[in-house]
Amino acid sequence: MALLTEVNDRGDAVVCRVRFEGSQPLTLSVAPGRELPLYAGASQKALLAFLSNDTVDAVCRGQLKAVGRATITRPERLRQHLEEVRRRGWAISFEETDNNMWGIALPIVDGRGLAVAAVGLAGPRNRLDASQVRHQLTALHEAAVTVANRMGYDVPQLDLAPVARRPQVSISA
Protein backbone atom coordinates (compact mmCIF):
# COMPACT_ATOMS: atom_id res chain seq x y z
CA MET A 1 0.00 0.00 0.00
CA ALA A 2 1.24 3.50 -0.83
CA LEU A 3 0.44 6.60 1.23
CA LEU A 4 0.62 10.38 0.99
CA THR A 5 0.44 12.16 4.34
CA GLU A 6 0.88 15.69 5.67
CA VAL A 7 0.73 17.55 8.94
CA ASN A 8 -2.81 18.63 9.84
CA ASP A 9 -3.87 22.29 9.90
CA ARG A 10 -3.28 22.53 13.67
CA GLY A 11 0.29 21.21 13.31
CA ASP A 12 -0.20 18.59 16.02
CA ALA A 13 -0.88 15.39 14.06
CA VAL A 14 -0.44 13.73 10.69
CA VAL A 15 -3.37 13.19 8.35
CA CYS A 16 -3.47 10.71 5.51
CA ARG A 17 -4.52 12.44 2.29
CA VAL A 18 -4.26 9.55 -0.18
CA ARG A 19 -3.99 5.78 0.20
CA PHE A 20 -3.46 3.43 -2.74
CA GLU A 21 -4.29 -0.20 -2.03
CA GLY A 22 -2.25 -3.03 -3.47
CA SER A 23 -3.70 -6.22 -4.86
CA GLN A 24 -4.44 -7.41 -1.31
CA PRO A 25 -6.24 -4.71 0.73
CA LEU A 26 -4.96 -4.25 4.28
CA THR A 27 -6.50 -3.25 7.56
CA LEU A 28 -4.31 -0.33 8.57
CA SER A 29 -4.76 2.62 10.94
CA VAL A 30 -3.48 5.03 8.28
CA ALA A 31 -6.61 5.82 6.28
CA PRO A 32 -7.65 8.91 4.31
CA GLY A 33 -8.77 11.66 6.67
CA ARG A 34 -7.60 9.87 9.80
CA GLU A 35 -5.16 11.71 12.05
CA LEU A 36 -2.27 9.98 13.81
CA PRO A 37 0.36 11.25 16.28
CA LEU A 38 3.46 12.83 14.77
CA TYR A 39 5.76 10.32 16.49
CA ALA A 40 4.31 6.89 15.62
CA GLY A 41 4.89 5.25 12.23
CA ALA A 42 7.21 5.74 9.28
CA SER A 43 5.27 8.48 7.46
CA GLN A 44 4.72 10.36 10.70
CA LYS A 45 8.40 10.22 11.68
CA ALA A 46 9.50 11.17 8.14
CA LEU A 47 7.45 14.34 8.57
CA LEU A 48 8.41 15.08 12.18
CA ALA A 49 12.13 14.65 11.53
CA PHE A 50 11.97 17.40 8.93
CA LEU A 51 9.81 19.86 10.87
CA SER A 52 11.15 22.70 13.01
CA ASN A 53 13.13 22.03 16.17
CA ASP A 54 10.32 23.78 18.09
CA THR A 55 7.82 21.23 16.77
CA VAL A 56 10.08 18.30 17.62
CA ASP A 57 10.61 19.77 21.12
CA ALA A 58 6.86 20.19 21.63
CA VAL A 59 6.17 16.60 20.56
CA CYS A 60 8.93 15.24 22.82
CA ARG A 61 7.64 17.28 25.77
CA GLY A 62 4.13 15.95 25.21
CA GLN A 63 2.71 12.61 26.15
CA LEU A 64 4.13 9.90 23.89
CA LYS A 65 1.40 7.29 24.21
CA ALA A 66 1.83 3.83 22.74
CA VAL A 67 -0.24 3.51 19.58
CA GLY A 68 1.12 0.07 18.67
CA ARG A 69 3.33 -2.57 20.24
CA ALA A 70 6.58 -0.81 19.30
CA THR A 71 5.69 2.90 19.45
CA ILE A 72 8.63 4.93 20.71
CA THR A 73 7.42 6.42 23.99
CA ARG A 74 10.66 7.75 25.49
CA PRO A 75 11.50 11.33 24.41
CA GLU A 76 15.28 10.79 24.22
CA ARG A 77 14.87 7.62 22.15
CA LEU A 78 12.52 9.49 19.80
CA ARG A 79 15.01 12.34 19.40
CA GLN A 80 17.79 9.88 18.56
CA HIS A 81 15.58 8.10 16.05
CA LEU A 82 14.57 11.40 14.39
CA GLU A 83 18.24 12.40 14.07
CA GLU A 84 18.89 9.12 12.24
CA VAL A 85 15.88 9.74 9.97
CA ARG A 86 17.24 13.22 9.12
CA ARG A 87 20.70 11.83 8.41
CA ARG A 88 19.57 9.04 6.08
CA GLY A 89 16.56 10.83 4.54
CA TRP A 90 13.99 8.11 5.26
CA ALA A 91 12.04 6.55 8.11
CA ILE A 92 11.11 2.97 8.91
CA SER A 93 8.77 1.46 11.45
CA PHE A 94 7.78 -2.00 12.62
CA GLU A 95 4.54 -2.37 14.55
CA GLU A 96 4.50 1.25 15.75
CA THR A 97 0.88 1.83 14.76
CA ASP A 98 -0.45 -1.59 13.75
CA ASN A 99 0.47 -5.12 14.83
CA ASN A 100 2.41 -7.13 12.27
CA MET A 101 2.83 -4.12 9.94
CA TRP A 102 5.93 -2.29 8.70
CA GLY A 103 6.33 1.02 6.92
CA ILE A 104 8.95 3.08 5.13
CA ALA A 105 8.57 6.74 4.18
CA LEU A 106 10.37 9.74 2.72
CA PRO A 107 9.63 13.41 3.31
CA ILE A 108 8.90 15.98 0.64
CA VAL A 109 10.49 19.26 1.75
CA ASP A 110 10.23 22.94 0.87
CA GLY A 111 13.12 25.26 0.03
CA ARG A 112 13.99 25.60 3.73
CA GLY A 113 14.21 21.82 4.15
CA LEU A 114 10.96 21.62 6.14
CA ALA A 115 8.54 18.78 5.46
CA VAL A 116 5.35 19.53 3.56
CA ALA A 117 4.30 15.91 2.95
CA ALA A 118 5.53 12.33 3.13
CA VAL A 119 5.19 9.41 0.77
CA GLY A 120 5.29 5.94 2.22
CA LEU A 121 4.75 2.24 1.76
CA ALA A 122 3.22 -0.11 4.31
CA GLY A 123 2.58 -3.80 4.42
CA PRO A 124 2.40 -6.94 6.52
CA ARG A 125 5.54 -7.85 8.42
CA ASN A 126 5.87 -11.16 6.58
CA ARG A 127 6.12 -9.37 3.21
CA LEU A 128 9.31 -7.43 3.95
CA ASP A 129 12.82 -8.60 4.53
CA ALA A 130 16.08 -6.68 4.65
CA SER A 131 16.91 -7.52 1.03
CA GLN A 132 13.72 -5.78 -0.14
CA VAL A 133 14.17 -2.56 1.82
CA ARG A 134 16.84 -1.15 -0.53
CA HIS A 135 14.71 -1.86 -3.61
CA GLN A 136 11.55 -0.43 -2.02
CA LEU A 137 13.34 2.72 -0.83
CA THR A 138 14.90 3.32 -4.24
CA ALA A 139 11.53 2.98 -6.01
CA LEU A 140 9.81 5.13 -3.37
CA HIS A 141 12.49 7.81 -3.69
CA GLU A 142 11.99 7.98 -7.46
CA ALA A 143 8.23 8.37 -6.96
CA ALA A 144 8.75 11.00 -4.25
CA VAL A 145 11.08 13.02 -6.50
CA THR A 146 8.47 12.95 -9.27
CA VAL A 147 5.73 14.14 -6.91
CA ALA A 148 7.97 16.76 -5.29
CA ASN A 149 9.11 18.19 -8.62
CA ARG A 150 5.50 18.61 -9.75
CA MET A 151 4.75 20.49 -6.53
CA GLY A 152 7.88 22.66 -6.69
CA TYR A 153 9.49 20.91 -3.74
CA ASP A 154 12.40 18.55 -3.11
CA VAL A 155 13.25 15.24 -1.45
CA PRO A 156 16.29 14.84 0.84
CA GLN A 157 19.26 12.81 -0.34
CA LEU A 158 18.69 9.10 0.23
CA ASP A 159 21.34 7.28 2.30
CA LEU A 160 20.98 3.53 1.83
CA ALA A 161 24.06 2.59 3.88
CA PRO A 162 21.96 1.56 6.92
CA VAL A 163 20.10 -0.93 4.71
CA ALA A 164 23.34 -2.79 3.97
CA ARG A 165 23.88 -3.28 7.71
CA ARG A 166 20.20 -3.71 8.53
CA PRO A 167 17.86 -0.82 9.24
CA GLN A 168 18.45 0.73 12.64
CA VAL A 169 15.14 -0.17 14.19
CA SER A 170 14.34 -1.15 17.70
CA ILE A 171 11.02 -2.66 18.55
CA SER A 172 11.43 -1.63 22.16
CA ALA A 173 9.90 1.66 23.09
C-alpha atoms as a PDB file:
ATOM      1  CA  MET A   1       0.000   0.000   0.000  1.00  0.00           C
ATOM      2  CA  ALA A   2       1.236   3.504  -0.835  1.00  0.00           C
ATOM      3  CA  LEU A   3       0.435   6.604   1.228  1.00  0.00           C
ATOM      4  CA  LEU A   4       0.623  10.382   0.986  1.00  0.00           C
ATOM      5  CA  THR A   5       0.444  12.161   4.336  1.00  0.00           C
ATOM      6  CA  GLU A   6       0.879  15.685   5.665  1.00  0.00           C
ATOM      7  CA  VAL A   7       0.734  17.554   8.945  1.00  0.00           C
ATOM      8  CA  ASN A   8      -2.806  18.632   9.837  1.00  0.00           C
ATOM      9  CA  ASP A   9      -3.869  22.294   9.897  1.00  0.00           C
ATOM     10  CA  ARG A  10      -3.284  22.531  13.671  1.00  0.00           C
ATOM     11  CA  GLY A  11       0.285  21.208  13.308  1.00  0.00           C
ATOM     12  CA  ASP A  12      -0.196  18.587  16.018  1.00  0.00           C
ATOM     13  CA  ALA A  13      -0.876  15.388  14.064  1.00  0.00           C
ATOM     14  CA  VAL A  14      -0.437  13.726  10.688  1.00  0.00           C
ATOM     15  CA  VAL A  15      -3.366  13.189   8.353  1.00  0.00           C
ATOM     16  CA  CYS A  16      -3.471  10.707   5.506  1.00  0.00           C
ATOM     17  CA  ARG A  17      -4.522  12.438   2.287  1.00  0.00           C
ATOM     18  CA  VAL A  18      -4.261   9.551  -0.184  1.00  0.00           C
ATOM     19  CA  ARG A  19      -3.992   5.779   0.200  1.00  0.00           C
ATOM     20  CA  PHE A  20      -3.461   3.427  -2.740  1.00  0.00           C
ATOM     21  CA  GLU A  21      -4.288  -0.201  -2.034  1.00  0.00           C
ATOM     22  CA  GLY A  22      -2.247  -3.033  -3.470  1.00  0.00           C
ATOM     23  CA  SER A  23      -3.705  -6.222  -4.860  1.00  0.00           C
ATOM     24  CA  GLN A  24      -4.438  -7.407  -1.311  1.00  0.00           C
ATOM     25  CA  PRO A  25      -6.242  -4.710   0.734  1.00  0.00           C
ATOM     26  CA  LEU A  26      -4.962  -4.250   4.279  1.00  0.00           C
ATOM     27  CA  THR A  27      -6.500  -3.246   7.562  1.00  0.00           C
ATOM     28  CA  LEU A  28      -4.313  -0.327   8.572  1.00  0.00           C
ATOM     29  CA  SER A  29      -4.755   2.623  10.940  1.00  0.00           C
ATOM     30  CA  VAL A  30      -3.480   5.035   8.283  1.00  0.00           C
ATOM     31  CA  ALA A  31      -6.607   5.818   6.280  1.00  0.00           C
ATOM     32  CA  PRO A  32      -7.650   8.906   4.309  1.00  0.00           C
ATOM     33  CA  GLY A  33      -8.768  11.661   6.665  1.00  0.00           C
ATOM     34  CA  ARG A  34      -7.600   9.875   9.803  1.00  0.00           C
ATOM     35  CA  GLU A  35      -5.165  11.708  12.054  1.00  0.00           C
ATOM     36  CA  LEU A  36      -2.272   9.983  13.813  1.00  0.00           C
ATOM     37  CA  PRO A  37       0.360  11.249  16.280  1.00  0.00           C
ATOM     38  CA  LEU A  38       3.463  12.825  14.766  1.00  0.00           C
ATOM     39  CA  TYR A  39       5.762  10.320  16.495  1.00  0.00           C
ATOM     40  CA  ALA A  40       4.306   6.886  15.620  1.00  0.00           C
ATOM     41  CA  GLY A  41       4.889   5.250  12.230  1.00  0.00           C
ATOM     42  CA  ALA A  42       7.209   5.736   9.279  1.00  0.00           C
ATOM     43  CA  SER A  43       5.269   8.480   7.465  1.00  0.00           C
ATOM     44  CA  GLN A  44       4.719  10.363  10.697  1.00  0.00           C
ATOM     45  CA  LYS A  45       8.397  10.219  11.680  1.00  0.00           C
ATOM     46  CA  ALA A  46       9.499  11.168   8.144  1.00  0.00           C
ATOM     47  CA  LEU A  47       7.445  14.342   8.573  1.00  0.00           C
ATOM     48  CA  LEU A  48       8.408  15.078  12.185  1.00  0.00           C
ATOM     49  CA  ALA A  49      12.131  14.645  11.533  1.00  0.00           C
ATOM     50  CA  PHE A  50      11.967  17.402   8.928  1.00  0.00           C
ATOM     51  CA  LEU A  51       9.809  19.860  10.869  1.00  0.00           C
ATOM     52  CA  SER A  52      11.151  22.701  13.006  1.00  0.00           C
ATOM     53  CA  ASN A  53      13.128  22.025  16.168  1.00  0.00           C
ATOM     54  CA  ASP A  54      10.324  23.775  18.089  1.00  0.00           C
ATOM     55  CA  THR A  55       7.818  21.234  16.766  1.00  0.00           C
ATOM     56  CA  VAL A  56      10.085  18.301  17.622  1.00  0.00           C
ATOM     57  CA  ASP A  57      10.611  19.769  21.122  1.00  0.00           C
ATOM     58  CA  ALA A  58       6.857  20.189  21.628  1.00  0.00           C
ATOM     59  CA  VAL A  59       6.168  16.599  20.565  1.00  0.00           C
ATOM     60  CA  CYS A  60       8.930  15.243  22.816  1.00  0.00           C
ATOM     61  CA  ARG A  61       7.636  17.283  25.770  1.00  0.00           C
ATOM     62  CA  GLY A  62       4.132  15.951  25.206  1.00  0.00           C
ATOM     63  CA  GLN A  63       2.708  12.611  26.154  1.00  0.00           C
ATOM     64  CA  LEU A  64       4.129   9.901  23.889  1.00  0.00           C
ATOM     65  CA  LYS A  65       1.400   7.293  24.215  1.00  0.00           C
ATOM     66  CA  ALA A  66       1.828   3.830  22.739  1.00  0.00           C
ATOM     67  CA  VAL A  67      -0.236   3.513  19.575  1.00  0.00           C
ATOM     68  CA  GLY A  68       1.120   0.069  18.669  1.00  0.00           C
ATOM     69  CA  ARG A  69       3.331  -2.570  20.238  1.00  0.00           C
ATOM     70  CA  ALA A  70       6.582  -0.808  19.300  1.00  0.00           C
ATOM     71  CA  THR A  71       5.687   2.896  19.445  1.00  0.00           C
ATOM     72  CA  ILE A  72       8.627   4.934  20.709  1.00  0.00           C
ATOM     73  CA  THR A  73       7.418   6.424  23.992  1.00  0.00           C
ATOM     74  CA  ARG A  74      10.657   7.748  25.487  1.00  0.00           C
ATOM     75  CA  PRO A  75      11.502  11.325  24.407  1.00  0.00           C
ATOM     76  CA  GLU A  76      15.278  10.788  24.222  1.00  0.00           C
ATOM     77  CA  ARG A  77      14.871   7.622  22.153  1.00  0.00           C
ATOM     78  CA  LEU A  78      12.518   9.486  19.799  1.00  0.00           C
ATOM     79  CA  ARG A  79      15.012  12.343  19.404  1.00  0.00           C
ATOM     80  CA  GLN A  80      17.790   9.876  18.556  1.00  0.00           C
ATOM     81  CA  HIS A  81      15.584   8.100  16.055  1.00  0.00           C
ATOM     82  CA  LEU A  82      14.573  11.395  14.386  1.00  0.00           C
ATOM     83  CA  GLU A  83      18.236  12.403  14.067  1.00  0.00           C
ATOM     84  CA  GLU A  84      18.888   9.123  12.242  1.00  0.00           C
ATOM     85  CA  VAL A  85      15.881   9.738   9.972  1.00  0.00           C
ATOM     86  CA  ARG A  86      17.236  13.221   9.117  1.00  0.00           C
ATOM     87  CA  ARG A  87      20.701  11.826   8.408  1.00  0.00           C
ATOM     88  CA  ARG A  88      19.573   9.039   6.084  1.00  0.00           C
ATOM     89  CA  GLY A  89      16.557  10.835   4.543  1.00  0.00           C
ATOM     90  CA  TRP A  90      13.987   8.111   5.264  1.00  0.00           C
ATOM     91  CA  ALA A  91      12.038   6.555   8.113  1.00  0.00           C
ATOM     92  CA  ILE A  92      11.112   2.974   8.908  1.00  0.00           C
ATOM     93  CA  SER A  93       8.772   1.456  11.446  1.00  0.00           C
ATOM     94  CA  PHE A  94       7.785  -1.995  12.620  1.00  0.00           C
ATOM     95  CA  GLU A  95       4.537  -2.371  14.546  1.00  0.00           C
ATOM     96  CA  GLU A  96       4.503   1.246  15.752  1.00  0.00           C
ATOM     97  CA  THR A  97       0.879   1.832  14.758  1.00  0.00           C
ATOM     98  CA  ASP A  98      -0.449  -1.592  13.753  1.00  0.00           C
ATOM     99  CA  ASN A  99       0.470  -5.117  14.832  1.00  0.00           C
ATOM    100  CA  ASN A 100       2.410  -7.131  12.270  1.00  0.00           C
ATOM    101  CA  MET A 101       2.830  -4.122   9.944  1.00  0.00           C
ATOM    102  CA  TRP A 102       5.930  -2.294   8.702  1.00  0.00           C
ATOM    103  CA  GLY A 103       6.328   1.016   6.920  1.00  0.00           C
ATOM    104  CA  ILE A 104       8.951   3.079   5.131  1.00  0.00           C
ATOM    105  CA  ALA A 105       8.574   6.737   4.183  1.00  0.00           C
ATOM    106  CA  LEU A 106      10.370   9.744   2.720  1.00  0.00           C
ATOM    107  CA  PRO A 107       9.626  13.408   3.314  1.00  0.00           C
ATOM    108  CA  ILE A 108       8.903  15.980   0.645  1.00  0.00           C
ATOM    109  CA  VAL A 109      10.491  19.258   1.754  1.00  0.00           C
ATOM    110  CA  ASP A 110      10.233  22.935   0.871  1.00  0.00           C
ATOM    111  CA  GLY A 111      13.120  25.261   0.029  1.00  0.00           C
ATOM    112  CA  ARG A 112      13.989  25.601   3.732  1.00  0.00           C
ATOM    113  CA  GLY A 113      14.207  21.818   4.150  1.00  0.00           C
ATOM    114  CA  LEU A 114      10.965  21.625   6.138  1.00  0.00           C
ATOM    115  CA  ALA A 115       8.540  18.777   5.464  1.00  0.00           C
ATOM    116  CA  VAL A 116       5.350  19.529   3.555  1.00  0.00           C
ATOM    117  CA  ALA A 117       4.295  15.910   2.948  1.00  0.00           C
ATOM    118  CA  ALA A 118       5.533  12.333   3.128  1.00  0.00           C
ATOM    119  CA  VAL A 119       5.190   9.406   0.770  1.00  0.00           C
ATOM    120  CA  GLY A 120       5.290   5.941   2.220  1.00  0.00           C
ATOM    121  CA  LEU A 121       4.754   2.242   1.761  1.00  0.00           C
ATOM    122  CA  ALA A 122       3.224  -0.106   4.306  1.00  0.00           C
ATOM    123  CA  GLY A 123       2.579  -3.804   4.421  1.00  0.00           C
ATOM    124  CA  PRO A 124       2.401  -6.944   6.521  1.00  0.00           C
ATOM    125  CA  ARG A 125       5.544  -7.848   8.417  1.00  0.00           C
ATOM    126  CA  ASN A 126       5.874 -11.159   6.580  1.00  0.00           C
ATOM    127  CA  ARG A 127       6.122  -9.366   3.210  1.00  0.00           C
ATOM    128  CA  LEU A 128       9.308  -7.427   3.947  1.00  0.00           C
ATOM    129  CA  ASP A 129      12.819  -8.604   4.532  1.00  0.00           C
ATOM    130  CA  ALA A 130      16.078  -6.681   4.649  1.00  0.00           C
ATOM    131  CA  SER A 131      16.909  -7.524   1.030  1.00  0.00           C
ATOM    132  CA  GLN A 132      13.724  -5.779  -0.143  1.00  0.00           C
ATOM    133  CA  VAL A 133      14.174  -2.555   1.824  1.00  0.00           C
ATOM    134  CA  ARG A 134      16.843  -1.151  -0.527  1.00  0.00           C
ATOM    135  CA  HIS A 135      14.710  -1.860  -3.611  1.00  0.00           C
ATOM    136  CA  GLN A 136      11.547  -0.433  -2.018  1.00  0.00           C
ATOM    137  CA  LEU A 137      13.338   2.720  -0.833  1.00  0.00           C
ATOM    138  CA  THR A 138      14.897   3.320  -4.242  1.00  0.00           C
ATOM    139  CA  ALA A 139      11.535   2.984  -6.011  1.00  0.00           C
ATOM    140  CA  LEU A 140       9.807   5.129  -3.365  1.00  0.00           C
ATOM    141  CA  HIS A 141      12.492   7.812  -3.689  1.00  0.00           C
ATOM    142  CA  GLU A 142      11.991   7.976  -7.460  1.00  0.00           C
ATOM    143  CA  ALA A 143       8.233   8.373  -6.963  1.00  0.00           C
ATOM    144  CA  ALA A 144       8.751  10.998  -4.247  1.00  0.00           C
ATOM    145  CA  VAL A 145      11.080  13.025  -6.498  1.00  0.00           C
ATOM    146  CA  THR A 146       8.469  12.954  -9.273  1.00  0.00           C
ATOM    147  CA  VAL A 147       5.729  14.144  -6.905  1.00  0.00           C
ATOM    148  CA  ALA A 148       7.968  16.765  -5.286  1.00  0.00           C
ATOM    149  CA  ASN A 149       9.113  18.193  -8.619  1.00  0.00           C
ATOM    150  CA  ARG A 150       5.497  18.610  -9.749  1.00  0.00           C
ATOM    151  CA  MET A 151       4.752  20.487  -6.530  1.00  0.00           C
ATOM    152  CA  GLY A 152       7.878  22.664  -6.694  1.00  0.00           C
ATOM    153  CA  TYR A 153       9.490  20.909  -3.739  1.00  0.00           C
ATOM    154  CA  ASP A 154      12.397  18.554  -3.114  1.00  0.00           C
ATOM    155  CA  VAL A 155      13.254  15.241  -1.451  1.00  0.00           C
ATOM    156  CA  PRO A 156      16.293  14.842   0.841  1.00  0.00           C
ATOM    157  CA  GLN A 157      19.257  12.809  -0.341  1.00  0.00           C
ATOM    158  CA  LEU A 158      18.692   9.102   0.230  1.00  0.00           C
ATOM    159  CA  ASP A 159      21.338   7.282   2.299  1.00  0.00           C
ATOM    160  CA  LEU A 160      20.982   3.528   1.832  1.00  0.00           C
ATOM    161  CA  ALA A 161      24.057   2.587   3.876  1.00  0.00           C
ATOM    162  CA  PRO A 162      21.965   1.561   6.920  1.00  0.00           C
ATOM    163  CA  VAL A 163      20.104  -0.929   4.707  1.00  0.00           C
ATOM    164  CA  ALA A 164      23.341  -2.788   3.971  1.00  0.00           C
ATOM    165  CA  ARG A 165      23.883  -3.280   7.712  1.00  0.00           C
ATOM    166  CA  ARG A 166      20.204  -3.706   8.527  1.00  0.00           C
ATOM    167  CA  PRO A 167      17.860  -0.822   9.240  1.00  0.00           C
ATOM    168  CA  GLN A 168      18.453   0.733  12.638  1.00  0.00           C
ATOM    169  CA  VAL A 169      15.137  -0.174  14.187  1.00  0.00           C
ATOM    170  CA  SER A 170      14.343  -1.148  17.705  1.00  0.00           C
ATOM    171  CA  ILE A 171      11.019  -2.663  18.546  1.00  0.00           C
ATOM    172  CA  SER A 172      11.426  -1.633  22.159  1.00  0.00           C
ATOM    173  CA  ALA A 173       9.901   1.664  23.092  1.00  0.00           C
END
